[in-house]
Amino acid sequence: MAVPDTALAIGAVALALAGMVGWLSLAAIRARRDDALYLVAEWRLVQAASLVLVFVAASYVGVAAAQAGAPGASFDAVLAVGFLVLAFTASQQEPPQALALLALGFLAHVVLDLAHRPGWLPHGGVASWYVIGCAIHNVVIGALCYLPLLGRDRR
């Protein structure tokens, strides 16, 4: 079974985004609390993860546009605005709160991704591999946001 070029391109984008967030998460994990740069490392992670959350949420605006007029299609666009607000709100918080908000935001987006699979939300002909891939990607990014918080008090 041949893999569509679109799947390869989307997979490359997902890997690039996860790699970027993973690199910054690792930098935040390795940063020592007595080093003044630990906040810089966490802020970089917050900024990148906020951008990725907006990027991921915007993909469903495209899904809504592709199925204009279908029942529930505008609901995806409204939810995307909610994730935009969440990403903006997170970027205005201190790093620990921001990272926790972003981790929760990505987890919420996993629920949204999976709600498209059984038809609870319209999927507009989007391939099932895309919906499942988005959910996996969002779990990974959410975990990368949360990991630096686990050892924060011990550094």
Protein backbone atom coordinates (compact mmCIF):
# COMPACT_ATOMS: atom_id res chain seq x y z
CA MET A 1 0.00 0.00 0.00
CA ALA A 2 1.54 3.27 -1.11
CA VAL A 3 1.76 6.19 1.28
CA PRO A 4 0.30 9.39 -0.20
CA ASP A 5 2.71 12.29 -0.69
CA THR A 6 0.44 14.38 1.51
CA ALA A 7 0.90 11.96 4.41
CA LEU A 8 4.67 12.16 4.04
CA ALA A 9 4.61 15.96 3.96
CA ILE A 10 2.31 16.19 6.99
CA GLY A 11 4.44 13.61 8.80
CA ALA A 12 7.56 15.67 8.11
CA VAL A 13 5.88 18.79 9.50
CA ALA A 14 4.72 16.87 12.60
CA LEU A 15 8.23 15.54 13.19
CA ALA A 16 9.74 19.00 12.75
CA LEU A 17 7.29 20.53 15.24
CA ALA A 18 7.78 17.70 17.75
CA GLY A 19 11.55 17.90 17.29
CA MET A 20 11.58 21.63 17.95
CA VAL A 21 9.43 21.31 21.07
CA GLY A 22 11.39 18.25 22.19
CA TRP A 23 14.71 20.09 21.87
CA LEU A 24 13.40 23.00 23.93
CA SER A 25 11.82 20.67 26.50
CA LEU A 26 15.14 18.88 26.92
CA ALA A 27 16.89 22.24 27.38
CA ALA A 28 14.34 23.19 30.05
CA ILE A 29 14.75 19.83 31.79
CA ARG A 30 18.54 20.13 31.80
CA ALA A 31 18.56 23.75 33.01
CA ARG A 32 19.55 24.11 36.64
CA ARG A 33 17.46 26.28 38.90
CA ASP A 34 20.52 28.12 40.19
CA ASP A 35 21.35 29.11 36.62
CA ALA A 36 19.65 32.32 35.50
CA LEU A 37 19.03 30.79 32.09
CA TYR A 38 16.55 28.19 33.38
CA LEU A 39 13.70 30.69 33.00
CA VAL A 40 14.87 31.49 29.48
CA ALA A 41 14.77 27.79 28.61
CA GLU A 42 11.25 27.44 29.98
CA TRP A 43 10.06 30.61 28.24
CA ARG A 44 11.40 29.38 24.91
CA LEU A 45 9.46 26.16 25.39
CA VAL A 46 6.30 28.11 26.29
CA GLN A 47 6.63 30.28 23.18
CA ALA A 48 7.24 27.36 20.83
CA ALA A 49 4.50 25.18 22.33
CA SER A 50 2.01 28.08 22.17
CA LEU A 51 2.83 28.54 18.50
CA VAL A 52 2.41 24.80 17.85
CA LEU A 53 -0.96 24.78 19.64
CA VAL A 54 -2.18 27.62 17.43
CA PHE A 55 -0.83 25.83 14.34
CA VAL A 56 -2.54 22.56 15.28
CA ALA A 57 -5.83 24.28 16.10
CA ALA A 58 -5.75 26.20 12.83
CA SER A 59 -5.67 22.93 10.90
CA TYR A 60 -9.25 22.35 11.96
CA VAL A 61 -10.22 25.76 10.59
CA GLY A 62 -9.14 24.31 7.25
CA VAL A 63 -11.27 21.23 7.89
CA ALA A 64 -14.24 23.49 8.67
CA ALA A 65 -13.64 25.50 5.49
CA ALA A 66 -13.46 22.30 3.43
CA GLN A 67 -16.88 21.26 4.67
CA ALA A 68 -18.61 24.63 4.67
CA GLY A 69 -22.32 24.21 5.23
CA ALA A 70 -22.05 20.77 6.83
CA PRO A 71 -23.75 20.45 10.23
CA GLY A 72 -21.27 21.26 13.01
CA ALA A 73 -18.53 22.51 10.67
CA SER A 74 -18.47 25.97 12.23
CA PHE A 75 -18.03 24.34 15.67
CA ASP A 76 -14.47 23.34 14.67
CA ALA A 77 -13.66 26.96 13.84
CA VAL A 78 -15.08 28.17 17.16
CA LEU A 79 -13.04 25.56 19.04
CA ALA A 80 -9.93 26.68 17.17
CA VAL A 81 -10.46 30.21 18.50
CA GLY A 82 -10.68 28.72 22.00
CA PHE A 83 -7.28 27.09 21.54
CA LEU A 84 -5.89 30.39 20.23
CA VAL A 85 -7.13 32.11 23.40
CA LEU A 86 -5.64 29.32 25.52
CA ALA A 87 -2.25 29.66 23.78
CA PHE A 88 -2.29 33.43 24.23
CA THR A 89 -3.31 33.10 27.89
CA ALA A 90 -0.53 30.60 28.51
CA SER A 91 2.03 32.95 26.97
CA GLN A 92 1.05 35.58 29.56
CA GLN A 93 1.66 33.31 32.58
CA GLU A 94 4.76 32.34 34.52
CA PRO A 95 6.47 29.31 32.93
CA PRO A 96 5.17 26.62 35.32
CA GLN A 97 1.56 27.74 34.92
CA ALA A 98 2.02 28.28 31.19
CA LEU A 99 3.47 24.81 30.64
CA ALA A 100 0.67 23.22 32.67
CA LEU A 101 -1.94 25.15 30.66
CA LEU A 102 -0.33 24.12 27.39
CA ALA A 103 -0.13 20.47 28.45
CA LEU A 104 -3.85 20.59 29.29
CA GLY A 105 -4.56 22.36 26.00
CA PHE A 106 -2.85 19.64 24.00
CA LEU A 107 -4.71 17.00 26.01
CA ALA A 108 -7.99 18.78 25.26
CA HIS A 109 -7.04 18.82 21.59
CA VAL A 110 -6.49 15.06 21.72
CA VAL A 111 -10.10 14.69 22.89
CA LEU A 112 -11.20 16.94 20.02
CA ASP A 113 -9.15 14.92 17.52
CA LEU A 114 -10.67 11.66 18.71
CA ALA A 115 -14.19 13.12 18.66
CA HIS A 116 -13.86 13.39 14.88
CA ARG A 117 -13.11 9.67 14.54
CA PRO A 118 -16.49 8.19 15.58
CA GLY A 119 -18.36 11.05 13.94
CA TRP A 120 -19.23 13.04 17.05
CA LEU A 121 -17.75 16.00 15.20
CA PRO A 122 -17.71 16.29 11.41
CA HIS A 123 -14.50 15.17 9.74
CA GLY A 124 -15.14 16.49 6.24
CA GLY A 125 -13.56 13.54 4.52
CA VAL A 126 -10.29 13.86 6.42
CA ALA A 127 -8.45 10.55 6.36
CA SER A 128 -8.55 8.54 9.58
CA TRP A 129 -4.73 8.39 9.63
CA TYR A 130 -4.71 12.19 9.90
CA VAL A 131 -7.07 12.27 12.89
CA ILE A 132 -5.18 9.51 14.70
CA GLY A 133 -1.81 11.05 13.79
CA CYS A 134 -2.94 14.42 15.17
CA ALA A 135 -4.01 12.81 18.43
CA ILE A 136 -0.66 11.04 18.82
CA HIS A 137 1.21 14.24 17.95
CA ASN A 138 -0.77 16.21 20.53
CA VAL A 139 -0.10 13.61 23.24
CA VAL A 140 3.62 13.86 22.52
CA ILE A 141 3.67 17.67 22.52
CA GLY A 142 1.56 17.83 25.70
CA ALA A 143 3.95 15.43 27.43
CA LEU A 144 6.95 17.50 26.29
CA CYS A 145 5.30 20.55 27.87
CA TYR A 146 4.68 18.73 31.13
CA LEU A 147 8.02 16.93 31.52
CA PRO A 148 10.03 19.99 32.64
CA LEU A 149 7.52 20.50 35.47
CA LEU A 150 8.16 17.07 36.97
CA GLY A 151 11.65 17.82 38.25
CA ARG A 152 11.30 21.57 38.62
CA ASP A 153 11.39 21.60 42.44
CA ARG A 154 14.33 19.21 42.57
CA ARG A 155 16.66 21.28 40.42
